[in-house]
N, C-alpha and C. Protein backbone atom coordinates (compact mmCIF):
# COMPACT_ATOMS: atom_id res chain seq x y z
N MET A 1 61.36 5.77 56.38
CA MET A 1 62.27 5.06 56.22
C MET A 1 62.06 3.85 55.12
N GLY A 2 62.92 3.57 54.42
CA GLY A 2 62.56 2.81 53.36
C GLY A 2 63.14 1.31 53.60
N PHE A 3 62.78 0.20 53.10
CA PHE A 3 63.21 -1.12 53.64
C PHE A 3 63.98 -1.70 52.39
N THR A 4 65.01 -2.50 52.02
CA THR A 4 65.54 -3.22 51.17
C THR A 4 65.35 -4.55 51.35
N PHE A 5 65.14 -5.18 49.99
CA PHE A 5 65.01 -6.73 50.60
C PHE A 5 65.37 -7.05 49.24
N VAL A 6 66.23 -8.17 49.63
CA VAL A 6 66.58 -9.25 48.22
C VAL A 6 66.40 -10.69 48.37
N LYS A 7 66.53 -10.96 46.96
CA LYS A 7 66.25 -12.63 46.73
C LYS A 7 67.65 -12.96 47.09
N MET A 8 67.73 -13.90 47.79
CA MET A 8 69.26 -14.72 48.16
C MET A 8 69.04 -16.01 47.88
N LYS A 9 69.89 -16.71 47.31
CA LYS A 9 70.03 -17.96 47.35
C LYS A 9 70.78 -18.44 48.01
N ILE A 10 70.65 -19.87 48.80
CA ILE A 10 71.16 -20.23 50.29
C ILE A 10 71.36 -21.90 49.76
N LYS A 11 72.61 -22.05 50.08
CA LYS A 11 72.49 -23.92 50.02
C LYS A 11 73.45 -24.31 50.95
N LYS A 12 73.74 -25.55 51.03
CA LYS A 12 74.59 -26.15 52.22
C LYS A 12 76.19 -25.74 52.07
N ALA A 13 76.50 -25.98 50.73
CA ALA A 13 77.99 -25.69 50.20
C ALA A 13 77.83 -25.64 48.62
N PHE A 14 78.98 -25.25 48.51
CA PHE A 14 79.13 -24.72 46.85
C PHE A 14 78.84 -26.07 45.80
N GLU A 15 79.17 -27.31 46.36
CA GLU A 15 78.84 -28.33 45.61
C GLU A 15 77.31 -28.71 45.63
N SER A 16 76.67 -28.33 46.60
CA SER A 16 75.44 -28.56 46.72
C SER A 16 74.55 -28.07 45.78
N GLU A 17 73.70 -29.29 44.82
CA GLU A 17 72.97 -28.71 44.30
C GLU A 17 71.27 -28.18 44.80
N LYS A 18 70.93 -28.63 45.79
CA LYS A 18 69.77 -28.21 46.33
C LYS A 18 69.88 -26.73 47.08
N LEU A 19 68.84 -26.07 46.60
CA LEU A 19 69.21 -24.70 47.31
C LEU A 19 67.46 -24.21 47.59
N LYS A 20 67.85 -23.01 48.16
CA LYS A 20 66.22 -22.19 48.58
C LYS A 20 66.39 -20.77 48.07
N GLU A 21 65.54 -20.27 47.69
CA GLU A 21 65.88 -18.71 47.33
C GLU A 21 64.83 -17.82 48.50
N GLU A 22 65.61 -17.42 49.05
CA GLU A 22 64.78 -16.15 50.26
C GLU A 22 64.76 -14.97 50.24
N ARG A 23 63.41 -14.40 50.54
CA ARG A 23 63.45 -12.79 50.48
C ARG A 23 63.91 -12.60 52.04
N LEU A 24 64.84 -11.85 51.98
CA LEU A 24 65.39 -11.26 53.18
C LEU A 24 65.59 -9.56 53.37
N LEU A 25 65.19 -9.46 54.31
CA LEU A 25 65.46 -7.66 54.64
C LEU A 25 67.26 -7.31 54.80
N VAL A 26 67.44 -6.47 54.06
CA VAL A 26 68.75 -6.15 54.50
C VAL A 26 69.19 -5.08 55.46
N ASP A 27 69.83 -5.48 56.63
CA ASP A 27 69.89 -4.85 57.76
C ASP A 27 71.23 -4.50 58.01
N SER A 28 71.68 -3.33 57.53
CA SER A 28 73.10 -2.88 57.79
C SER A 28 73.59 -2.94 59.50
N GLY A 29 72.43 -3.04 60.50
CA GLY A 29 72.57 -3.18 61.85
C GLY A 29 72.73 -4.04 62.35
N ALA A 30 72.51 -5.43 61.31
CA ALA A 30 72.50 -6.95 61.92
C ALA A 30 74.00 -7.44 61.24
N ILE A 31 74.33 -8.26 62.14
CA ILE A 31 75.89 -8.67 61.65
C ILE A 31 75.61 -10.14 61.36
N TYR A 32 74.60 -10.86 61.70
CA TYR A 32 74.31 -12.14 60.97
C TYR A 32 73.09 -12.07 60.27
N THR A 33 73.29 -13.29 59.38
CA THR A 33 71.97 -13.22 58.57
C THR A 33 71.08 -14.40 59.43
N VAL A 34 69.75 -13.96 59.30
CA VAL A 34 68.78 -15.13 59.89
C VAL A 34 68.06 -15.55 58.83
N VAL A 35 68.05 -16.95 59.26
CA VAL A 35 66.85 -17.74 57.99
C VAL A 35 65.98 -18.49 58.93
N PRO A 36 64.96 -18.84 58.34
CA PRO A 36 64.18 -19.81 59.25
C PRO A 36 64.97 -21.42 59.52
N ALA A 37 65.00 -21.81 60.52
CA ALA A 37 65.61 -22.99 61.08
C ALA A 37 64.99 -24.20 60.07
N ALA A 38 63.76 -24.44 60.05
CA ALA A 38 63.19 -25.31 58.91
C ALA A 38 63.81 -25.48 57.51
N ASP A 39 63.83 -24.02 57.12
CA ASP A 39 64.61 -23.87 55.62
C ASP A 39 66.10 -24.29 55.65
N LEU A 40 66.46 -24.23 56.77
CA LEU A 40 68.36 -24.47 56.76
C LEU A 40 68.45 -26.02 56.86
N GLN A 41 67.67 -26.42 57.78
CA GLN A 41 67.37 -28.04 58.11
C GLN A 41 67.18 -28.67 56.88
N GLU A 42 65.98 -28.18 55.75
CA GLU A 42 65.71 -28.99 54.59
C GLU A 42 66.67 -29.01 53.77
N LEU A 43 67.94 -28.03 54.01
CA LEU A 43 68.77 -28.04 53.08
C LEU A 43 69.97 -28.49 53.70
N GLY A 44 69.87 -29.29 54.72
CA GLY A 44 70.98 -30.11 55.25
C GLY A 44 71.91 -29.49 56.24
N ILE A 45 71.71 -28.00 56.37
CA ILE A 45 72.33 -27.31 57.18
C ILE A 45 72.48 -27.41 58.58
N ALA A 46 73.62 -27.94 59.12
CA ALA A 46 73.57 -28.27 60.84
C ALA A 46 74.03 -27.05 61.56
N ALA A 47 73.41 -26.93 62.90
CA ALA A 47 73.87 -25.85 63.40
C ALA A 47 75.48 -26.53 64.23
N HIS A 48 76.34 -25.37 64.25
CA HIS A 48 77.36 -25.76 65.18
C HIS A 48 77.70 -25.45 66.49
N SER A 49 76.83 -24.40 66.64
CA SER A 49 77.11 -24.08 68.10
C SER A 49 75.44 -23.41 68.46
N GLU A 50 75.48 -22.62 69.79
CA GLU A 50 74.49 -21.88 70.22
C GLU A 50 75.10 -20.61 70.52
N GLU A 51 74.54 -19.42 70.31
CA GLU A 51 75.26 -18.34 70.70
C GLU A 51 74.33 -17.30 71.53
N GLU A 52 74.58 -15.99 72.54
CA GLU A 52 73.69 -15.17 72.79
C GLU A 52 73.62 -14.34 71.85
N PHE A 53 72.52 -13.40 71.69
CA PHE A 53 72.50 -12.31 70.76
C PHE A 53 71.54 -11.19 71.67
N GLU A 54 72.24 -9.91 71.40
CA GLU A 54 71.50 -9.01 72.08
C GLU A 54 70.92 -8.15 71.10
N LEU A 55 69.42 -7.88 71.60
CA LEU A 55 68.43 -7.20 70.54
C LEU A 55 68.33 -5.90 70.74
N ALA A 56 67.71 -5.01 69.72
CA ALA A 56 67.74 -3.55 70.05
C ALA A 56 67.48 -3.05 71.17
N ASP A 57 66.27 -4.06 71.97
CA ASP A 57 65.83 -3.72 72.84
C ASP A 57 66.42 -4.04 74.09
N GLY A 58 67.66 -4.51 74.28
CA GLY A 58 68.51 -5.02 75.20
C GLY A 58 68.40 -6.55 75.81
N GLU A 59 67.08 -7.25 75.19
CA GLU A 59 66.68 -8.49 75.44
C GLU A 59 68.03 -9.40 74.78
N VAL A 60 68.36 -10.40 75.58
CA VAL A 60 69.04 -11.39 75.50
C VAL A 60 68.34 -12.96 75.18
N ILE A 61 68.79 -13.31 73.81
CA ILE A 61 68.10 -14.52 73.17
C ILE A 61 69.51 -15.46 72.70
N LYS A 62 69.12 -16.44 73.02
CA LYS A 62 69.53 -17.65 72.17
C LYS A 62 69.40 -18.18 71.12
N ARG A 63 70.21 -18.41 70.04
CA ARG A 63 69.90 -18.99 68.58
C ARG A 63 71.18 -19.75 68.52
N LYS A 64 70.68 -21.02 67.25
CA LYS A 64 71.74 -21.91 67.20
C LYS A 64 72.33 -21.45 65.75
N VAL A 65 73.67 -21.67 65.20
CA VAL A 65 74.37 -21.10 64.51
C VAL A 65 74.94 -21.77 63.77
N GLY A 66 75.02 -21.81 62.34
CA GLY A 66 75.87 -22.99 61.39
C GLY A 66 76.43 -22.49 60.29
N ASP A 67 76.68 -22.51 59.30
CA ASP A 67 77.28 -22.24 58.18
C ASP A 67 76.61 -22.09 56.89
N ALA A 68 76.30 -21.31 55.95
CA ALA A 68 75.44 -21.42 54.86
C ALA A 68 76.60 -21.01 53.43
N TYR A 69 76.08 -21.22 52.29
CA TYR A 69 76.59 -20.93 51.23
C TYR A 69 75.65 -19.96 50.64
N PHE A 70 75.90 -18.76 50.30
CA PHE A 70 74.87 -17.62 49.62
C PHE A 70 75.47 -17.51 48.28
N GLU A 71 74.37 -17.19 47.24
CA GLU A 71 74.64 -16.67 45.98
C GLU A 71 73.78 -15.33 45.70
N TYR A 72 74.37 -14.53 45.31
CA TYR A 72 73.48 -12.94 44.86
C TYR A 72 73.96 -12.24 43.68
N GLY A 73 73.54 -11.82 42.72
CA GLY A 73 74.01 -10.79 41.93
C GLY A 73 75.44 -11.74 41.16
N GLY A 74 75.58 -12.54 40.76
CA GLY A 74 76.86 -13.46 40.60
C GLY A 74 77.74 -13.89 41.57
N LYS A 75 77.47 -13.16 42.76
CA LYS A 75 78.88 -13.20 43.71
C LYS A 75 78.34 -14.68 44.41
N LYS A 76 79.40 -15.52 45.31
CA LYS A 76 79.21 -16.46 45.54
C LYS A 76 80.44 -16.63 46.88
N GLY A 77 79.61 -17.07 48.04
CA GLY A 77 80.31 -17.24 49.36
C GLY A 77 79.44 -18.01 50.39
N SER A 78 80.36 -17.99 51.55
CA SER A 78 80.01 -18.69 52.66
C SER A 78 80.37 -17.44 53.95
N ALA A 79 79.23 -17.84 55.01
CA ALA A 79 79.05 -16.83 56.03
C ALA A 79 78.13 -17.66 57.17
N PRO A 80 78.54 -17.45 58.16
CA PRO A 80 77.45 -17.93 59.32
C PRO A 80 76.30 -17.53 59.01
N VAL A 81 75.25 -18.44 59.73
CA VAL A 81 73.69 -18.04 59.36
C VAL A 81 73.09 -18.66 60.78
N VAL A 82 72.23 -17.85 61.13
CA VAL A 82 71.32 -17.76 62.36
C VAL A 82 70.06 -18.71 62.27
N PHE A 83 69.91 -19.69 63.21
CA PHE A 83 68.60 -20.32 62.88
C PHE A 83 67.38 -19.84 63.63
N GLY A 84 66.73 -19.11 62.79
CA GLY A 84 65.64 -18.16 62.89
C GLY A 84 64.47 -19.09 63.77
N GLU A 85 63.80 -18.90 64.82
CA GLU A 85 62.79 -19.32 65.05
C GLU A 85 61.61 -18.56 65.10
N GLU A 86 60.00 -19.09 65.28
CA GLU A 86 59.10 -18.46 65.31
C GLU A 86 58.82 -16.91 65.27
N GLY A 87 58.61 -16.25 64.81
CA GLY A 87 58.22 -14.77 65.15
C GLY A 87 59.52 -14.16 64.78
N ASP A 88 61.01 -14.53 64.52
CA ASP A 88 62.07 -13.78 64.03
C ASP A 88 62.13 -13.34 62.49
N SER A 89 62.51 -12.15 62.17
CA SER A 89 62.59 -11.91 60.76
C SER A 89 63.73 -12.29 60.21
N ARG A 90 63.57 -12.67 58.73
CA ARG A 90 64.27 -12.97 58.08
C ARG A 90 65.53 -11.90 57.47
N LEU A 91 66.87 -12.05 58.20
CA LEU A 91 67.57 -10.71 58.10
C LEU A 91 68.67 -11.13 57.03
N LEU A 92 69.42 -10.14 56.37
CA LEU A 92 70.71 -10.26 55.78
C LEU A 92 71.61 -9.61 56.28
N GLY A 93 72.71 -10.13 56.88
CA GLY A 93 73.45 -9.08 57.79
C GLY A 93 74.71 -8.89 57.09
N VAL A 94 75.41 -8.16 57.79
CA VAL A 94 76.75 -7.44 57.20
C VAL A 94 77.75 -8.57 56.73
N LEU A 95 77.98 -9.68 57.64
CA LEU A 95 78.93 -10.58 57.35
C LEU A 95 78.66 -11.26 56.04
N THR A 96 77.50 -11.60 55.74
CA THR A 96 77.16 -12.45 54.32
C THR A 96 77.34 -11.37 53.25
N LEU A 97 76.83 -10.05 53.69
CA LEU A 97 77.22 -9.01 52.48
C LEU A 97 78.49 -8.77 52.11
N GLU A 98 79.66 -9.09 53.22
CA GLU A 98 80.74 -8.63 53.04
C GLU A 98 81.39 -9.79 52.38
N ALA A 99 81.03 -10.94 52.74
CA ALA A 99 81.75 -12.34 52.22
C ALA A 99 81.03 -12.42 50.84
N LEU A 100 80.22 -11.80 50.13
CA LEU A 100 79.97 -11.78 48.95
C LEU A 100 80.61 -10.37 47.93
N GLY A 101 81.08 -9.31 49.04
CA GLY A 101 81.59 -8.71 48.41
C GLY A 101 80.42 -7.20 48.10
N PHE A 102 79.76 -7.03 48.61
CA PHE A 102 78.65 -6.13 48.73
C PHE A 102 78.75 -5.15 49.97
N VAL A 103 78.07 -4.07 49.79
CA VAL A 103 77.66 -2.91 50.72
C VAL A 103 75.82 -2.56 50.50
N LEU A 104 75.44 -1.94 51.60
CA LEU A 104 74.20 -1.24 51.31
C LEU A 104 74.35 0.30 51.00
N ASP A 105 73.96 0.68 50.10
CA ASP A 105 74.05 2.33 49.81
C ASP A 105 72.54 2.84 50.55
N PRO A 106 73.01 3.37 51.73
CA PRO A 106 71.70 3.65 52.52
C PRO A 106 70.96 4.81 51.82
N LEU A 107 71.23 5.47 51.12
CA LEU A 107 70.67 6.58 50.41
C LEU A 107 69.82 6.21 49.05
N LYS A 108 70.40 5.16 48.60
CA LYS A 108 69.31 4.62 47.30
C LYS A 108 68.78 3.60 47.84
N ARG A 109 69.26 3.00 48.95
CA ARG A 109 68.77 1.54 49.37
C ARG A 109 68.84 0.64 48.47
N GLU A 110 69.92 0.41 47.92
CA GLU A 110 70.48 -0.62 46.79
C GLU A 110 71.82 -1.28 47.53
N ILE A 111 71.86 -2.66 46.82
CA ILE A 111 73.24 -3.25 47.27
C ILE A 111 74.14 -3.20 46.10
N LYS A 112 75.37 -2.45 46.56
CA LYS A 112 76.29 -2.21 45.74
C LYS A 112 77.82 -3.02 45.70
N PRO A 113 78.60 -3.29 44.62
CA PRO A 113 79.49 -3.74 44.73
C PRO A 113 80.37 -3.52 45.94
N MET A 114 81.46 -4.04 46.76
CA MET A 114 82.06 -3.49 47.64
C MET A 114 83.50 -3.02 46.98
N ARG A 115 84.10 -1.67 47.22
CA ARG A 115 85.43 -1.56 46.78
C ARG A 115 86.54 -2.45 48.10
N LYS A 116 87.14 -3.47 47.33
CA LYS A 116 87.97 -4.21 47.92
C LYS A 116 89.19 -3.78 48.29
N ARG A 117 89.45 -3.87 49.34
CA ARG A 117 91.31 -3.28 50.03
C ARG A 117 91.67 -4.56 50.68
N LEU A 118 93.16 -4.52 50.59
CA LEU A 118 93.94 -5.42 51.45
C LEU A 118 94.56 -4.94 52.65
N VAL A 119 94.31 -3.54 52.75
CA VAL A 119 95.20 -2.83 53.91
C VAL A 119 94.03 -2.25 54.82
């Protein structure tokens, strides 16, 4: 099995000049993007809630959630982001992929533009 990583630019909002570039594992099974809490806080991104998440092994954990602005491959958009804790993987989830108009091609392990539909 191969892994797909991307370098994603993250900032607080569209207008923000301060940004970080994070190397994230593209996980088509993950709904949310996970970035270390310290990196998000350094960018001024605040958590607006705390949610429970079920891991693949059935364990339930709590993590803070906020909103971030992402840039990749010339596309830009906002999506929820999970404040990762020590030991958490840096993940790029499908909500962020879809917000930017991308999908993961599982055969070629590449990020590709999504065909957009209104229906």
